[in-house]
N, C-alpha and C. Protein backbone atom coordinates (compact mmCIF):
# COMPACT_ATOMS: atom_id res chain seq x y z
N MET A 1 8.24 -1.95 33.07
CA MET A 1 7.28 -2.96 32.72
C MET A 1 7.35 -4.08 33.74
N SER A 2 6.23 -4.67 34.00
CA SER A 2 6.20 -5.80 34.90
C SER A 2 5.23 -6.84 34.36
N ASP A 3 5.27 -8.03 34.94
CA ASP A 3 4.43 -9.12 34.51
C ASP A 3 3.49 -9.45 35.67
N MET A 4 2.20 -9.27 35.45
CA MET A 4 1.21 -9.57 36.49
C MET A 4 0.48 -10.84 36.10
N SER A 5 0.35 -11.78 37.03
CA SER A 5 -0.33 -13.03 36.72
C SER A 5 -1.83 -12.87 36.87
N GLU A 6 -2.56 -13.43 35.92
CA GLU A 6 -4.01 -13.46 35.98
C GLU A 6 -4.43 -14.74 36.68
N PRO A 7 -5.69 -14.83 37.12
CA PRO A 7 -6.16 -16.03 37.81
C PRO A 7 -6.00 -17.31 36.99
N ASP A 8 -6.06 -17.22 35.67
CA ASP A 8 -5.93 -18.43 34.85
C ASP A 8 -4.47 -18.84 34.65
N GLY A 9 -3.55 -18.13 35.28
CA GLY A 9 -2.15 -18.50 35.21
C GLY A 9 -1.37 -17.82 34.10
N HIS A 10 -2.05 -17.11 33.20
CA HIS A 10 -1.37 -16.41 32.13
C HIS A 10 -0.91 -15.04 32.62
N GLY A 11 0.22 -14.61 32.16
CA GLY A 11 0.75 -13.32 32.57
C GLY A 11 0.21 -12.18 31.71
N VAL A 12 0.23 -11.00 32.26
CA VAL A 12 -0.15 -9.79 31.55
C VAL A 12 0.99 -8.81 31.68
N MET A 13 1.46 -8.30 30.56
CA MET A 13 2.53 -7.31 30.60
C MET A 13 1.92 -5.95 30.91
N VAL A 14 2.58 -5.19 31.78
CA VAL A 14 2.08 -3.88 32.18
C VAL A 14 3.19 -2.86 32.02
N ALA A 15 2.84 -1.71 31.45
CA ALA A 15 3.77 -0.60 31.33
C ALA A 15 3.08 0.67 31.82
N MET A 16 3.87 1.66 32.16
CA MET A 16 3.34 2.93 32.61
C MET A 16 4.17 4.03 31.97
N SER A 17 3.51 4.96 31.30
CA SER A 17 4.23 6.10 30.72
C SER A 17 3.23 7.20 30.41
N ALA A 18 3.77 8.32 29.94
CA ALA A 18 2.94 9.48 29.63
C ALA A 18 2.27 9.32 28.26
N CYS A 19 1.05 9.81 28.16
CA CYS A 19 0.31 9.84 26.90
C CYS A 19 0.95 10.88 25.99
N ILE A 20 1.05 10.56 24.71
CA ILE A 20 1.63 11.50 23.74
C ILE A 20 0.73 12.72 23.55
N GLY A 21 -0.56 12.59 23.85
CA GLY A 21 -1.48 13.70 23.67
C GLY A 21 -1.51 14.67 24.83
N CYS A 22 -1.78 14.14 26.04
CA CYS A 22 -2.01 15.03 27.19
C CYS A 22 -0.89 15.00 28.22
N GLY A 23 -0.02 14.01 28.13
CA GLY A 23 1.08 13.91 29.09
C GLY A 23 0.71 13.20 30.38
N ARG A 24 -0.57 12.80 30.52
CA ARG A 24 -1.00 12.10 31.73
C ARG A 24 -0.38 10.70 31.74
N VAL A 25 0.13 10.30 32.90
CA VAL A 25 0.72 8.96 33.03
C VAL A 25 -0.42 7.96 33.20
N PHE A 26 -0.36 6.89 32.42
CA PHE A 26 -1.37 5.84 32.55
C PHE A 26 -0.73 4.47 32.39
N MET A 27 -1.41 3.45 32.92
CA MET A 27 -0.92 2.07 32.83
C MET A 27 -1.61 1.39 31.66
N TYR A 28 -0.88 0.51 30.99
CA TYR A 28 -1.43 -0.18 29.83
C TYR A 28 -0.64 -1.44 29.52
N ASN A 29 -1.24 -2.29 28.70
CA ASN A 29 -0.55 -3.46 28.16
C ASN A 29 0.14 -2.99 26.88
N PRO A 30 1.47 -2.97 26.83
CA PRO A 30 2.17 -2.44 25.66
C PRO A 30 1.92 -3.22 24.37
N GLU A 31 1.43 -4.44 24.48
CA GLU A 31 1.14 -5.20 23.26
C GLU A 31 -0.19 -4.78 22.64
N LEU A 32 -1.03 -4.09 23.39
CA LEU A 32 -2.37 -3.74 22.91
C LEU A 32 -2.67 -2.24 22.85
N VAL A 33 -1.86 -1.43 23.49
CA VAL A 33 -2.19 0.00 23.61
C VAL A 33 -2.19 0.70 22.26
N PRO A 34 -3.19 1.56 22.01
CA PRO A 34 -3.13 2.37 20.79
C PRO A 34 -1.91 3.30 20.86
N SER A 35 -1.30 3.53 19.72
CA SER A 35 -0.12 4.39 19.70
C SER A 35 -0.04 5.14 18.38
N LEU A 36 0.74 6.19 18.38
CA LEU A 36 0.95 7.00 17.18
C LEU A 36 2.44 7.10 16.91
N LEU A 37 2.79 7.20 15.65
CA LEU A 37 4.17 7.51 15.31
C LEU A 37 4.32 9.02 15.46
N TYR A 38 5.27 9.44 16.28
CA TYR A 38 5.47 10.84 16.63
C TYR A 38 6.85 11.28 16.15
N VAL A 39 6.93 12.47 15.56
CA VAL A 39 8.20 13.02 15.08
C VAL A 39 8.60 14.16 16.00
N PRO A 40 9.58 13.94 16.89
CA PRO A 40 9.95 14.97 17.86
C PRO A 40 10.36 16.31 17.25
N SER A 41 11.08 16.30 16.14
CA SER A 41 11.58 17.57 15.59
C SER A 41 10.48 18.49 15.08
N VAL A 42 9.36 17.92 14.65
CA VAL A 42 8.25 18.77 14.20
C VAL A 42 7.10 18.79 15.21
N ARG A 43 7.28 18.06 16.30
CA ARG A 43 6.31 18.00 17.39
C ARG A 43 4.91 17.69 16.89
N ASN A 44 4.83 16.63 16.07
CA ASN A 44 3.57 16.23 15.49
C ASN A 44 3.61 14.75 15.15
N SER A 45 2.44 14.18 14.87
CA SER A 45 2.40 12.79 14.45
C SER A 45 2.98 12.67 13.05
N LEU A 46 3.47 11.49 12.72
CA LEU A 46 4.03 11.27 11.38
C LEU A 46 2.97 11.49 10.32
N GLU A 47 1.73 11.03 10.56
CA GLU A 47 0.65 11.21 9.59
C GLU A 47 0.43 12.69 9.27
N LEU A 48 0.35 13.52 10.32
CA LEU A 48 0.11 14.95 10.09
C LEU A 48 1.31 15.63 9.46
N ALA A 49 2.51 15.22 9.86
CA ALA A 49 3.72 15.80 9.26
C ALA A 49 3.77 15.50 7.76
N LEU A 50 3.41 14.27 7.38
CA LEU A 50 3.42 13.91 5.96
C LEU A 50 2.30 14.62 5.20
N ALA A 51 1.14 14.80 5.84
CA ALA A 51 0.04 15.53 5.21
C ALA A 51 0.42 16.98 4.98
N GLU A 52 1.09 17.59 5.96
CA GLU A 52 1.54 18.97 5.80
C GLU A 52 2.58 19.07 4.69
N LEU A 53 3.47 18.09 4.62
CA LEU A 53 4.47 18.08 3.55
C LEU A 53 3.79 17.98 2.19
N ALA A 54 2.75 17.16 2.08
CA ALA A 54 2.02 17.03 0.80
C ALA A 54 1.38 18.36 0.41
N ALA A 55 0.84 19.08 1.39
CA ALA A 55 0.23 20.39 1.10
C ALA A 55 1.29 21.39 0.64
N ILE A 56 2.45 21.38 1.30
CA ILE A 56 3.55 22.26 0.90
C ILE A 56 4.00 21.91 -0.51
N HIS A 57 4.11 20.60 -0.78
CA HIS A 57 4.53 20.13 -2.11
C HIS A 57 3.58 20.65 -3.18
N THR A 58 2.26 20.54 -2.93
CA THR A 58 1.27 20.99 -3.91
C THR A 58 1.40 22.49 -4.16
N ASP A 59 1.65 23.27 -3.11
CA ASP A 59 1.82 24.71 -3.26
C ASP A 59 3.12 25.06 -3.99
N ARG A 60 4.15 24.25 -3.76
CA ARG A 60 5.49 24.57 -4.27
C ARG A 60 5.65 24.24 -5.74
N HIS A 61 5.04 23.17 -6.20
CA HIS A 61 5.30 22.67 -7.55
C HIS A 61 4.08 22.83 -8.47
N ASP A 62 4.37 23.08 -9.71
CA ASP A 62 3.32 23.08 -10.73
C ASP A 62 2.89 21.62 -10.91
N ARG A 63 1.62 21.34 -10.73
CA ARG A 63 1.14 19.96 -10.78
C ARG A 63 1.38 19.30 -12.14
N THR A 64 1.51 20.09 -13.20
CA THR A 64 1.76 19.49 -14.52
C THR A 64 3.21 19.04 -14.66
N VAL A 65 4.10 19.62 -13.85
CA VAL A 65 5.52 19.26 -13.94
C VAL A 65 5.81 18.09 -12.99
N LEU A 66 5.41 18.23 -11.75
CA LEU A 66 5.62 17.16 -10.77
C LEU A 66 4.26 16.74 -10.24
N ALA A 67 3.80 15.60 -10.69
CA ALA A 67 2.45 15.15 -10.36
C ALA A 67 2.28 14.84 -8.88
N ASP A 68 3.29 14.28 -8.26
CA ASP A 68 3.18 13.94 -6.85
C ASP A 68 4.54 13.95 -6.17
N GLN A 69 4.53 13.69 -4.88
CA GLN A 69 5.77 13.74 -4.10
C GLN A 69 6.79 12.71 -4.57
N ALA A 70 6.36 11.64 -5.18
CA ALA A 70 7.29 10.62 -5.63
C ALA A 70 8.25 11.16 -6.69
N ASP A 71 7.84 12.23 -7.38
CA ASP A 71 8.68 12.83 -8.41
C ASP A 71 9.64 13.88 -7.86
N CYS A 72 9.53 14.20 -6.60
CA CYS A 72 10.29 15.30 -6.02
C CYS A 72 11.37 14.77 -5.07
N ASP A 73 12.63 14.95 -5.43
CA ASP A 73 13.73 14.44 -4.60
C ASP A 73 13.74 15.09 -3.22
N THR A 74 13.44 16.38 -3.14
CA THR A 74 13.43 17.07 -1.84
C THR A 74 12.36 16.48 -0.94
N CYS A 75 11.16 16.28 -1.48
CA CYS A 75 10.08 15.69 -0.69
C CYS A 75 10.42 14.27 -0.26
N GLN A 76 10.98 13.49 -1.15
CA GLN A 76 11.33 12.11 -0.80
C GLN A 76 12.37 12.07 0.32
N GLU A 77 13.35 12.97 0.28
CA GLU A 77 14.36 13.03 1.34
C GLU A 77 13.71 13.45 2.66
N THR A 78 12.79 14.41 2.61
CA THR A 78 12.10 14.86 3.82
C THR A 78 11.25 13.73 4.40
N ILE A 79 10.55 13.00 3.55
CA ILE A 79 9.75 11.86 4.01
C ILE A 79 10.64 10.83 4.69
N ARG A 80 11.80 10.54 4.07
CA ARG A 80 12.73 9.57 4.66
C ARG A 80 13.20 10.04 6.03
N LEU A 81 13.57 11.31 6.16
CA LEU A 81 14.06 11.85 7.43
C LEU A 81 12.97 11.81 8.50
N LEU A 82 11.75 12.21 8.14
CA LEU A 82 10.64 12.18 9.10
C LEU A 82 10.36 10.75 9.56
N THR A 83 10.34 9.83 8.61
CA THR A 83 10.03 8.44 8.92
C THR A 83 11.12 7.82 9.79
N ASP A 84 12.38 8.13 9.48
CA ASP A 84 13.48 7.59 10.27
C ASP A 84 13.46 8.11 11.71
N GLU A 85 13.00 9.35 11.89
CA GLU A 85 13.00 9.97 13.22
C GLU A 85 11.78 9.57 14.06
N ALA A 86 10.72 9.12 13.41
CA ALA A 86 9.47 8.84 14.11
C ALA A 86 9.63 7.73 15.15
N VAL A 87 9.00 7.94 16.30
CA VAL A 87 8.98 6.95 17.38
C VAL A 87 7.53 6.67 17.74
N ARG A 88 7.24 5.41 18.11
CA ARG A 88 5.88 5.03 18.48
C ARG A 88 5.65 5.40 19.94
N GLU A 89 4.57 6.16 20.19
CA GLU A 89 4.22 6.62 21.53
C GLU A 89 2.79 6.23 21.87
N PRO A 90 2.52 5.81 23.11
CA PRO A 90 1.16 5.43 23.50
C PRO A 90 0.24 6.65 23.62
N ILE A 91 -1.05 6.42 23.37
CA ILE A 91 -2.04 7.47 23.53
C ILE A 91 -3.14 6.96 24.46
N CYS A 92 -3.54 7.81 25.40
CA CYS A 92 -4.53 7.39 26.41
C CYS A 92 -5.93 7.35 25.81
N PRO A 93 -6.86 6.68 26.48
CA PRO A 93 -8.22 6.55 25.98
C PRO A 93 -8.92 7.88 25.75
N SER A 94 -8.73 8.81 26.66
CA SER A 94 -9.38 10.11 26.53
C SER A 94 -8.89 10.86 25.29
N CYS A 95 -7.59 10.86 25.07
CA CYS A 95 -7.04 11.54 23.90
C CYS A 95 -7.44 10.85 22.60
N ALA A 96 -7.49 9.51 22.61
CA ALA A 96 -7.92 8.77 21.42
C ALA A 96 -9.36 9.14 21.08
N ALA A 97 -10.24 9.19 22.09
CA ALA A 97 -11.65 9.55 21.86
C ALA A 97 -11.78 10.98 21.36
N THR A 98 -10.95 11.88 21.87
CA THR A 98 -10.98 13.28 21.44
C THR A 98 -10.45 13.42 20.01
N ALA A 99 -9.41 12.67 19.68
CA ALA A 99 -8.76 12.79 18.37
C ALA A 99 -9.57 12.17 17.24
N ASN A 100 -10.32 11.13 17.49
CA ASN A 100 -10.96 10.38 16.40
C ASN A 100 -11.90 11.21 15.52
N PRO A 101 -12.76 12.08 16.07
CA PRO A 101 -13.59 12.90 15.16
C PRO A 101 -12.74 13.82 14.27
N HIS A 102 -11.67 14.37 14.82
CA HIS A 102 -10.78 15.23 14.03
C HIS A 102 -10.05 14.43 12.96
N ARG A 103 -9.63 13.22 13.32
CA ARG A 103 -8.95 12.36 12.36
C ARG A 103 -9.89 12.01 11.20
N ALA A 104 -11.13 11.64 11.54
CA ALA A 104 -12.10 11.28 10.50
C ALA A 104 -12.37 12.47 9.58
N ALA A 105 -12.50 13.66 10.16
CA ALA A 105 -12.76 14.86 9.36
C ALA A 105 -11.62 15.19 8.41
N ASN A 106 -10.40 14.73 8.75
CA ASN A 106 -9.23 15.00 7.92
C ASN A 106 -8.82 13.81 7.07
N GLY A 107 -9.66 12.77 7.04
CA GLY A 107 -9.40 11.62 6.17
C GLY A 107 -8.45 10.57 6.73
N PHE A 108 -8.16 10.63 8.05
CA PHE A 108 -7.30 9.62 8.66
C PHE A 108 -8.13 8.53 9.32
N GLU A 109 -7.56 7.35 9.40
CA GLU A 109 -8.22 6.24 10.10
C GLU A 109 -8.35 6.58 11.58
N PRO A 110 -9.44 6.14 12.23
CA PRO A 110 -9.55 6.40 13.67
C PRO A 110 -8.53 5.57 14.45
N ILE A 111 -8.18 6.07 15.62
CA ILE A 111 -7.32 5.32 16.53
C ILE A 111 -8.18 4.23 17.15
N PRO A 112 -7.78 2.97 17.07
CA PRO A 112 -8.62 1.90 17.62
C PRO A 112 -8.82 2.08 19.12
N THR A 113 -10.06 1.93 19.55
CA THR A 113 -10.35 2.04 20.98
C THR A 113 -11.03 0.79 21.53
N GLU A 114 -11.31 -0.17 20.68
CA GLU A 114 -11.91 -1.44 21.14
C GLU A 114 -10.80 -2.38 21.60
N ASP A 115 -11.11 -3.14 22.64
CA ASP A 115 -10.15 -4.13 23.17
C ASP A 115 -8.78 -3.50 23.42
N THR A 116 -8.79 -2.34 24.02
CA THR A 116 -7.54 -1.65 24.29
C THR A 116 -6.93 -2.14 25.58
N ALA A 117 -5.80 -1.57 25.88
CA ALA A 117 -4.97 -2.10 26.95
C ALA A 117 -4.87 -1.20 28.16
N ALA A 118 -5.60 -0.08 28.20
CA ALA A 118 -5.49 0.80 29.36
C ALA A 118 -5.99 0.08 30.61
N LEU A 119 -5.26 0.20 31.68
CA LEU A 119 -5.58 -0.55 32.90
C LEU A 119 -6.05 0.34 34.03
N ASP A 120 -6.32 1.62 33.75
CA ASP A 120 -6.66 2.52 34.83
C ASP A 120 -8.11 3.01 34.76
N GLY A 121 -9.02 2.09 34.46
CA GLY A 121 -10.43 2.40 34.54
C GLY A 121 -11.09 2.85 33.25
N TRP A 122 -10.52 2.52 32.12
CA TRP A 122 -11.11 2.91 30.85
C TRP A 122 -12.44 2.19 30.63
N ARG A 123 -12.53 0.98 31.06
CA ARG A 123 -13.71 0.16 30.79
C ARG A 123 -14.91 0.62 31.56
């Protein structure tokens, strides 16, 4: 990371790393870049890992016995482990634009793309 001065005298923080989606290295302002919580052990985002766990839970348990994951000790332990392991990773503009229609179709919030921090020609 480095600090680049703008003409008005205020600094801009700059970082460079690989996108969690495509692996392309891009520059961004780490305070503004869109990012996802990623779980390395399942090689997926935390949101998708938890959604998959919910689907497994529904298949595994009779809904009349255990209404939701909050009633299941195994699911709660798995959620805790996934959450503890999750790390925040930046996502590039192209991957965010590609992911958003899929996220919307699956009931997830879109990845914000307005006022983002990519510095390599996104605008």
